[in-house]
Protein backbone atom coordinates (compact mmCIF):
# COMPACT_ATOMS: atom_id res chain seq x y z
CA MET A 1 29.37 2.03 39.07
CA ALA A 2 31.74 3.61 36.57
CA SER A 3 33.70 6.64 37.73
CA LYS A 4 31.57 9.81 37.97
CA ARG A 5 32.48 13.50 38.23
CA PHE A 6 31.66 15.25 41.52
CA LEU A 7 31.93 18.99 42.11
CA PHE A 8 31.92 19.95 45.81
CA VAL A 9 31.18 23.59 46.62
CA SER A 10 31.91 25.41 49.88
CA ALA A 11 30.41 28.83 49.11
CA ASP A 12 31.61 30.05 52.50
CA ALA A 13 33.83 28.11 54.95
CA ALA A 14 35.34 24.74 54.03
CA LEU A 15 33.15 22.05 55.60
CA ILE A 16 32.72 19.17 53.16
CA THR A 17 36.41 18.25 52.74
CA ASP A 18 36.13 14.79 54.25
CA LEU A 19 33.20 13.71 52.07
CA ALA A 20 35.04 14.96 48.97
CA TRP A 21 38.10 12.96 50.08
CA GLN A 22 36.01 9.83 50.64
CA VAL A 23 34.40 10.05 47.18
CA HIS A 24 37.82 10.73 45.62
CA ARG A 25 39.31 7.66 47.35
CA GLU A 26 36.51 5.53 45.90
CA GLY A 27 37.87 6.31 42.44
CA HIS A 28 35.58 9.12 41.28
CA ASP A 29 36.79 12.35 39.70
CA VAL A 30 36.50 15.16 42.24
CA LYS A 31 36.93 18.92 42.18
CA TYR A 32 36.53 21.00 45.33
CA TYR A 33 35.90 24.76 45.52
CA ILE A 34 36.35 26.84 48.69
CA GLU A 35 35.20 30.47 48.76
CA ALA A 36 36.60 31.61 52.14
CA GLU A 37 40.13 32.86 51.56
CA GLY A 38 41.38 31.75 54.98
CA ASP A 39 40.18 28.19 54.33
CA ARG A 40 41.52 27.63 50.82
CA GLU A 41 44.48 25.50 51.89
CA ILE A 42 42.15 23.06 53.69
CA GLY A 43 42.13 19.74 51.86
CA ASP A 44 45.34 20.45 49.90
CA GLY A 45 47.09 17.16 49.21
CA PHE A 46 43.89 15.21 49.91
CA VAL A 47 41.42 16.48 47.29
CA PRO A 48 41.82 18.03 43.80
CA LYS A 49 40.77 21.70 43.86
CA THR A 50 39.19 24.22 41.47
CA ASP A 51 39.13 28.02 41.71
CA ASP A 52 36.10 28.44 39.42
CA TRP A 53 33.22 26.18 40.37
CA ARG A 54 30.79 27.76 37.93
CA GLY A 55 33.22 27.02 35.14
CA ASP A 56 33.12 23.33 36.14
CA VAL A 57 29.32 22.97 36.30
CA GLU A 58 29.08 21.43 32.83
CA TRP A 59 31.91 19.03 33.68
CA ALA A 60 30.15 17.68 36.77
CA ASP A 61 27.76 14.72 36.96
CA VAL A 62 26.83 15.77 40.52
CA ILE A 63 27.18 19.12 42.31
CA VAL A 64 27.26 19.03 46.12
CA PHE A 65 26.72 22.10 48.34
CA ASP A 66 27.87 21.78 51.95
CA ASP A 67 25.92 24.51 53.77
CA ILE A 68 23.21 27.16 53.32
CA TRP A 69 25.61 30.14 53.44
CA VAL A 70 27.14 32.11 50.59
CA GLY A 71 29.60 34.26 52.50
CA SER A 72 27.57 36.03 55.20
CA ASP A 73 24.26 35.56 53.34
CA VAL A 74 21.91 32.60 53.00
CA GLY A 75 21.86 31.45 49.42
CA THR A 76 23.01 27.98 48.36
CA GLY A 77 19.37 26.86 48.11
CA ALA A 78 18.79 29.44 45.40
CA LEU A 79 21.95 28.30 43.59
CA ALA A 80 20.87 24.65 43.79
CA GLU A 81 17.39 25.48 42.52
CA GLU A 82 18.87 27.43 39.61
CA LEU A 83 21.15 24.53 38.65
CA ARG A 84 18.34 21.97 38.85
CA ALA A 85 16.30 24.15 36.49
CA GLU A 86 19.22 23.83 34.07
CA GLY A 87 19.04 20.03 34.30
CA LYS A 88 21.94 19.46 36.69
CA ALA A 89 21.92 16.84 39.46
CA VAL A 90 22.45 18.67 42.74
CA VAL A 91 22.73 17.74 46.41
CA GLY A 92 21.39 20.87 48.07
CA GLY A 93 18.36 22.77 49.25
CA THR A 94 15.95 25.43 48.10
CA PRO A 95 15.34 28.99 49.33
CA ASN A 96 12.53 27.73 51.58
CA THR A 97 14.56 24.88 53.08
CA ASP A 98 17.47 27.28 53.71
CA ARG A 99 14.98 29.43 55.58
CA LEU A 100 14.21 26.54 57.97
CA GLU A 101 17.63 27.11 59.55
CA GLU A 102 18.00 30.85 59.13
CA ASP A 103 14.48 31.81 60.33
CA ARG A 104 13.49 29.73 63.35
CA GLY A 105 10.02 31.26 63.48
CA TYR A 106 9.34 30.15 59.91
CA ALA A 107 10.57 26.64 60.77
CA MET A 108 8.05 26.39 63.60
CA GLU A 109 5.26 27.58 61.27
CA ILE A 110 6.07 24.81 58.79
CA LEU A 111 5.99 22.21 61.57
CA GLU A 112 2.68 23.48 62.94
CA ASP A 113 1.12 23.69 59.47
CA HIS A 114 1.84 19.98 59.00
CA GLY A 115 0.58 18.81 62.37
CA VAL A 116 3.91 18.38 64.13
CA ASN A 117 4.15 19.15 67.86
CA THR A 118 6.19 22.22 68.75
CA VAL A 119 7.57 23.74 71.92
CA GLU A 120 6.13 27.09 73.00
CA HIS A 121 8.25 29.66 71.18
CA HIS A 122 8.38 33.39 70.47
CA VAL A 123 10.52 35.41 68.07
CA PHE A 124 11.74 38.86 69.08
CA HIS A 125 13.61 41.56 67.20
CA ASP A 126 13.89 43.80 70.25
CA PHE A 127 15.77 42.81 73.41
CA ASP A 128 13.53 44.78 75.74
CA ALA A 129 10.44 43.04 74.37
CA GLY A 130 12.04 39.65 75.02
CA ILE A 131 13.03 40.64 78.54
CA GLN A 132 9.48 41.85 79.23
CA HIS A 133 8.04 38.55 77.98
CA VAL A 134 10.21 36.51 80.36
CA GLN A 135 9.38 38.77 83.29
CA GLU A 136 5.65 38.48 82.56
CA HIS A 137 5.81 34.72 81.91
CA PRO A 138 8.56 33.45 84.24
CA ALA A 139 9.98 30.05 83.28
CA PRO A 140 13.24 28.54 82.01
CA TYR A 141 13.84 29.46 78.36
CA VAL A 142 16.39 28.73 75.65
CA ILE A 143 17.81 31.75 73.75
CA LYS A 144 18.52 31.01 70.07
CA PRO A 145 19.95 33.85 67.96
CA LEU A 146 18.58 34.39 64.46
CA GLY A 147 20.40 35.08 61.21
CA GLU A 148 24.14 35.03 60.53
CA VAL A 149 25.11 35.51 64.19
CA GLN A 150 23.57 32.14 65.06
CA ASN A 151 26.82 30.63 63.76
CA VAL A 152 28.50 32.01 66.88
CA LYS A 153 27.47 28.87 68.76
CA ARG A 154 28.43 30.09 72.21
CA LEU A 155 25.55 32.61 72.04
CA LEU A 156 22.98 29.83 72.40
CA TYR A 157 21.94 29.87 76.04
CA VAL A 158 19.88 27.29 77.95
CA GLY A 159 18.23 28.79 81.01
CA ASN A 160 18.27 27.10 84.41
CA GLU A 161 16.24 29.33 86.74
CA ASP A 162 12.51 28.66 87.18
CA ASP A 163 11.79 32.39 87.21
CA GLY A 164 13.81 33.07 84.04
CA SER A 165 16.05 35.55 85.85
CA ASP A 166 19.23 34.14 84.29
CA VAL A 167 17.70 34.48 80.82
CA VAL A 168 16.89 38.13 81.55
CA ASP A 169 20.50 38.73 82.65
CA VAL A 170 21.88 37.08 79.49
CA LEU A 171 19.55 39.06 77.20
CA ARG A 172 20.70 42.31 78.85
CA ALA A 173 24.33 41.29 78.30
CA TYR A 174 23.64 40.37 74.66
CA LYS A 175 21.95 43.70 74.08
CA LYS A 176 25.16 45.50 75.07
CA ALA A 177 27.65 43.18 73.39
CA TRP A 178 25.77 41.89 70.34
CA GLY A 179 22.91 44.32 69.75
CA HIS A 180 24.61 45.65 66.61
CA ARG A 181 24.81 42.16 65.01
CA MET A 182 21.99 40.07 66.43
CA LYS A 183 18.99 40.89 64.26
CA GLY A 184 16.67 38.85 66.46
CA PHE A 185 16.33 35.80 68.64
CA GLN A 186 13.89 33.06 69.48
CA LEU A 187 12.88 32.19 73.01
CA GLN A 188 11.87 28.54 73.38
CA ARG A 189 10.30 27.22 76.56
CA LYS A 190 12.79 24.74 78.02
CA VAL A 191 11.57 21.13 77.96
CA GLU A 192 13.20 18.32 79.92
CA GLY A 193 13.90 14.97 78.30
CA VAL A 194 16.29 13.24 75.91
CA GLU A 195 17.73 15.33 73.10
CA VAL A 196 17.89 13.35 69.86
CA ALA A 197 18.35 14.38 66.24
CA ILE A 198 16.51 12.54 63.47
CA CYS A 199 18.39 12.64 60.17
CA GLY A 200 16.93 11.51 56.86
CA PHE A 201 18.23 11.51 53.30
CA PHE A 202 15.77 12.84 50.71
CA ASN A 203 16.04 12.19 46.96
CA GLY A 204 13.74 14.97 45.78
CA GLU A 205 10.60 12.84 46.09
CA GLU A 206 10.87 10.76 49.27
CA PHE A 207 13.07 9.69 52.15
CA ILE A 208 15.22 6.60 51.82
CA ASP A 209 14.32 3.79 54.21
CA GLN A 210 17.32 4.05 56.56
CA VAL A 211 17.08 6.80 59.17
CA ASN A 212 19.99 8.10 61.21
CA PHE A 213 19.46 8.93 64.88
CA ASN A 214 22.23 10.98 66.47
CA PHE A 215 23.04 12.61 69.77
CA GLU A 216 25.01 15.85 69.72
CA HIS A 217 27.54 16.94 72.36
CA LYS A 218 27.82 20.71 71.92
CA LYS A 219 29.47 21.90 75.12
CA LEU A 220 33.25 22.18 75.18
CA PHE A 221 33.98 20.14 78.29
CA PRO A 222 33.05 16.63 79.50
CA GLY A 223 29.94 16.57 81.60
CA ASN A 224 28.28 18.98 79.15
CA ILE A 225 29.68 22.13 80.73
CA GLY A 226 31.49 25.15 79.35
CA PRO A 227 30.80 27.26 76.27
CA SER A 228 28.70 25.94 73.42
CA THR A 229 30.59 24.92 70.30
CA GLY A 230 29.41 23.87 66.87
CA GLU A 231 29.92 20.29 68.04
CA MET A 232 32.48 18.35 70.08
CA GLY A 233 31.27 14.89 69.16
CA THR A 234 28.34 12.74 68.14
CA SER A 235 27.00 9.29 68.91
CA MET A 236 24.54 7.59 66.56
CA PHE A 237 22.85 4.53 65.18
CA TRP A 238 20.69 3.72 62.13
CA ALA A 239 17.19 2.27 62.20
CA GLY A 240 13.97 2.14 60.20
CA GLN A 241 11.20 4.71 59.92
CA ASN A 242 10.04 4.33 63.51
CA LYS A 243 7.78 6.52 65.65
CA LEU A 244 10.38 9.29 66.02
CA PHE A 245 10.56 9.56 62.24
CA LYS A 246 6.84 9.20 61.52
CA GLU A 247 5.84 11.91 64.00
CA THR A 248 8.30 14.41 62.49
CA PHE A 249 9.70 13.94 58.98
CA GLY A 250 6.92 11.52 58.08
CA LYS A 251 4.54 14.49 58.18
CA LEU A 252 6.85 16.73 56.13
CA GLU A 253 7.64 14.36 53.26
CA GLY A 254 5.09 15.94 50.91
CA TRP A 255 6.34 19.46 51.63
CA LEU A 256 9.95 18.48 50.97
CA ALA A 257 8.89 16.77 47.73
CA ASP A 258 7.10 19.94 46.60
CA GLU A 259 10.33 21.84 47.34
CA GLY A 260 12.47 19.30 45.46
CA TYR A 261 14.92 19.05 48.34
CA VAL A 262 17.88 16.69 47.88
CA GLY A 263 20.33 15.63 50.56
CA SER A 264 20.64 15.23 54.30
CA ILE A 265 18.11 16.97 56.56
CA ASP A 266 18.10 16.80 60.33
CA ILE A 267 15.58 17.82 62.98
CA ASN A 268 16.76 18.10 66.58
CA CYS A 269 14.13 17.22 69.19
CA ILE A 270 13.52 16.90 72.89
CA VAL A 271 11.66 13.67 73.64
CA ASN A 272 9.95 12.70 76.88
CA GLU A 273 7.11 10.47 78.02
CA THR A 274 4.51 13.00 76.87
CA GLY A 275 5.69 13.69 73.32
CA ILE A 276 8.25 14.66 70.69
CA TYR A 277 9.15 18.36 70.55
CA PRO A 278 11.22 19.56 67.56
CA LEU A 279 13.70 22.32 68.37
CA GLU A 280 15.47 23.20 65.11
CA PHE A 281 16.30 22.05 61.59
CA THR A 282 19.64 21.42 59.90
CA PRO A 283 18.66 21.39 56.18
CA ARG A 284 22.16 20.39 55.04
CA PHE A 285 24.95 18.09 56.14
CA GLY A 286 25.85 18.15 59.82
CA TYR A 287 29.45 18.40 61.00
CA PRO A 288 31.05 16.15 62.16
CA THR A 289 27.89 14.05 61.65
CA ILE A 290 28.60 13.45 57.97
CA ALA A 291 32.08 12.09 58.77
CA LEU A 292 30.53 9.59 61.19
CA GLN A 293 27.82 8.69 58.68
CA GLU A 294 30.56 8.02 56.11
CA GLU A 295 32.29 5.74 58.59
CA SER A 296 29.08 3.75 59.12
CA ILE A 297 28.15 3.47 55.42
CA GLU A 298 29.36 0.10 54.19
CA SER A 299 28.27 0.49 50.55
CA SER A 300 29.66 3.06 48.09
CA THR A 301 29.34 6.61 49.37
CA GLY A 302 29.83 8.15 45.91
CA GLU A 303 27.22 5.88 44.33
CA PHE A 304 24.78 6.71 47.12
CA PHE A 305 25.02 10.48 46.55
CA TYR A 306 24.98 10.07 42.76
CA ASP A 307 21.71 8.14 42.99
CA LEU A 308 20.27 10.54 45.57
CA ALA A 309 21.00 13.56 43.35
CA HIS A 310 19.47 11.83 40.31
CA GLY A 311 16.22 10.97 42.12
CA ASN A 312 16.92 7.24 42.21
CA ASP A 313 16.29 4.84 45.08
CA PRO A 314 19.88 4.53 46.29
CA GLU A 315 21.39 1.44 47.80
CA LEU A 316 22.64 2.09 51.32
CA ASP A 317 24.17 -0.57 53.53
CA VAL A 318 25.03 0.69 56.99
CA HIS A 319 26.73 -0.63 60.12
CA SER A 320 24.10 -2.30 62.28
CA GLY A 321 25.46 -1.29 65.65
CA TYR A 322 26.52 2.02 67.20
CA GLN A 323 28.98 4.71 66.16
CA ILE A 324 30.69 7.69 67.80
CA ALA A 325 32.77 10.60 66.51
CA VAL A 326 35.12 12.74 68.59
CA ARG A 327 36.28 16.14 67.34
CA ILE A 328 39.94 16.84 68.12
CA VAL A 329 40.59 20.57 68.54
CA LEU A 330 43.44 22.99 69.21
CA PRO A 331 43.79 26.38 70.94
CA PRO A 332 42.01 28.76 70.97
CA PHE A 333 38.93 26.79 69.82
CA PRO A 334 36.06 27.67 70.16
CA PHE A 335 37.25 31.27 70.42
CA ASP A 336 39.03 33.54 67.93
CA ASP A 337 42.50 34.70 68.94
CA GLU A 338 44.94 34.94 66.06
CA LYS A 339 48.03 35.26 68.25
CA THR A 340 47.17 32.16 70.28
CA TYR A 341 46.40 30.21 67.12
CA ASP A 342 49.65 31.25 65.44
CA GLU A 343 51.72 30.34 68.50
CA ASN A 344 50.09 27.00 69.28
CA SER A 345 48.27 25.54 66.33
CA ARG A 346 48.95 26.91 62.85
CA ASN A 347 50.59 24.29 60.61
CA ALA A 348 50.99 21.88 63.53
CA ALA A 349 51.82 18.30 62.55
CA VAL A 350 49.33 15.47 63.04
CA VAL A 351 51.47 12.47 64.00
CA PHE A 352 50.26 8.87 63.92
CA GLU A 353 52.05 6.38 66.19
CA THR A 354 50.85 3.45 64.06
CA GLU A 355 50.60 3.04 60.30
CA SER A 356 46.80 2.77 60.46
CA GLN A 357 44.76 5.93 59.97
CA GLU A 358 41.49 4.02 59.96
CA GLY A 359 38.61 5.98 61.44
CA VAL A 360 40.41 9.33 61.16
CA HIS A 361 38.56 11.98 59.15
CA ILE A 362 39.79 15.39 58.07
CA GLU A 363 38.26 18.77 58.82
CA ASP A 364 40.78 21.63 58.86
CA ALA A 365 43.76 19.66 57.59
CA LYS A 366 46.11 19.51 54.63
CA LYS A 367 48.85 17.15 53.49
CA VAL A 368 52.33 18.51 52.76
CA ASP A 369 54.97 16.07 51.45
CA GLY A 370 52.99 13.20 52.93
CA GLN A 371 52.70 14.84 56.38
CA TRP A 372 49.24 15.70 57.75
CA ARG A 373 49.22 19.27 59.05
CA VAL A 374 46.69 21.67 60.56
CA ALA A 375 45.17 24.08 58.02
CA GLY A 376 42.90 27.12 58.09
CA ASP A 377 42.19 29.32 61.10
CA ASN A 378 39.67 27.38 63.20
CA GLY A 379 41.62 24.74 65.12
CA MET A 380 39.47 21.74 64.16
CA PRO A 381 41.88 19.50 62.24
CA ILE A 382 40.43 16.00 62.56
CA VAL A 383 37.55 13.83 63.73
CA VAL A 384 38.15 10.32 65.07
CA THR A 385 35.41 7.71 64.84
CA GLY A 386 34.64 4.27 66.22
CA LYS A 387 31.89 1.70 65.85
CA GLY A 388 30.80 -1.48 67.58
CA ASP A 389 27.90 -3.74 68.47
CA THR A 390 27.35 -1.63 71.59
CA MET A 391 27.91 2.04 72.34
CA ALA A 392 30.59 1.01 74.84
CA ALA A 393 32.44 -0.91 72.11
CA ALA A 394 32.22 2.06 69.75
CA ARG A 395 33.65 4.30 72.47
CA GLU A 396 36.50 1.89 73.14
CA GLN A 397 37.49 1.80 69.47
CA ALA A 398 37.33 5.57 68.96
CA TYR A 399 39.30 6.49 72.08
CA GLY A 400 41.81 3.72 71.34
CA ARG A 401 42.44 5.36 67.97
CA ILE A 402 42.86 8.76 69.62
CA ASP A 403 45.56 7.27 71.88
CA ASP A 404 47.62 6.66 68.73
CA ILE A 405 47.52 10.32 67.61
CA VAL A 406 49.97 12.98 68.73
CA MET A 407 49.33 16.71 68.32
CA PRO A 408 50.80 19.25 70.73
CA ASN A 409 48.05 21.01 72.73
CA MET A 410 45.19 18.91 71.37
CA TYR A 411 42.07 18.48 73.46
CA TYR A 412 38.72 16.70 73.15
CA ARG A 413 35.79 15.40 75.17
CA ASP A 414 36.29 11.95 76.64
CA ASP A 415 32.61 11.26 77.35
CA ILE A 416 31.06 11.05 73.88
CA GLY A 417 28.40 8.30 73.94
CA GLU A 418 28.22 8.04 77.73
CA ARG A 419 24.77 9.63 77.90
CA TRP A 420 23.40 6.67 75.95
CA THR A 421 24.94 4.08 78.24
CA ASP A 422 23.94 6.10 81.31
CA GLY A 423 20.25 5.73 80.52
CA GLU A 424 19.14 7.74 77.49
CA GLY A 425 18.75 4.62 75.38
CA ASP A 426 16.70 2.89 78.07
CA ARG A 427 14.44 5.91 78.42
CA LEU A 428 13.74 6.16 74.69
CA GLN A 429 12.99 2.45 74.56
CA ALA A 430 10.72 2.61 77.63
CA TRP A 431 8.77 5.50 76.11
CA GLY A 432 8.18 3.43 72.94
CA TYR A 433 9.98 5.68 70.44
CA LEU A 434 12.64 3.42 68.98
CA GLY A 435 10.61 0.51 67.63
CA PRO A 436 12.06 -1.82 65.02
């Protein structure tokens, strides 16, 4: 494919830097816009920038939005819809697909309307009403905040007590500490099983054949303990449109086509021997999932997204084995403490002990005079990936690459992918979900 022009837009925080860098390295013309002032140095030295994305719309062959947020409001779906109406090729959502993530109750309605199994769930806009519900229907529940505050990942709480008493205690604490910001929350009945995310790429009319199955590791510490984060690492593989896909996205294909959705869309589920239970949507790229997907795509990434945005049937060759990604973080992640960040992490150097930087992907990083440095305010500079014929081989490659990286005070989980080798893969296979 001849060189194309890609405009990447972060209408809030900088998230899509690595994909922009990948497309740029493939020889395409790239411009990257970042709205959040504290993030604007992210990607410097890696990706060409613009400070006026609307002024570059006519220049672009493809416009790529990285998230659903425009500042503190949901809104990139409306922007994408507006640009498509003007004849532009856009990777992005619609107002209704944005709502799948922002309004969890609406997401469950869409699933139920299309015959997809759902977990028992209730949406509350009053803490006392939620507390009363748990007391009257004692059970373990998951608390999922609604609206903008859901981005504070440590507020997601998974209950452990059979009588729901811990959930009641947490809701009372949230009422005091977050009542002014949390406009509502969803209570989901806790279901035991294997947590797996099904990720498809939609071209405005249908899903492409290859489906990505990934396993998120959200807790800060190995063993899945500690505060929730956006993500500490991901393991994954690609397969065909098997039972997991057909029982979820297979039933939503017509709705997404009516919406004109284009891009990556993910549905996180709990799976057990009795069924598939969707938990939540990610109607956008996942992070660091997209970096790992890039690593496993063996054809042209830029050509793939160009074809996807233009409604074509894109060619996609992917690694046939397993892949893992490990997020490398710095203090005070996942918390906000400017003094700690300034003293320990801001502008820190990322040092490579070998010449190879293969499998290393950028998040909050910049390049100054050839030196990789930490950028922004979040303490998430890089993601390191590995792949192999087995999950164990993928783990060995990724952690071997991490051993060649030096950053003062860096930390990461050392157990990404272990859940699969410890039995999750066997359970999914025994329950008949993986198929060909």
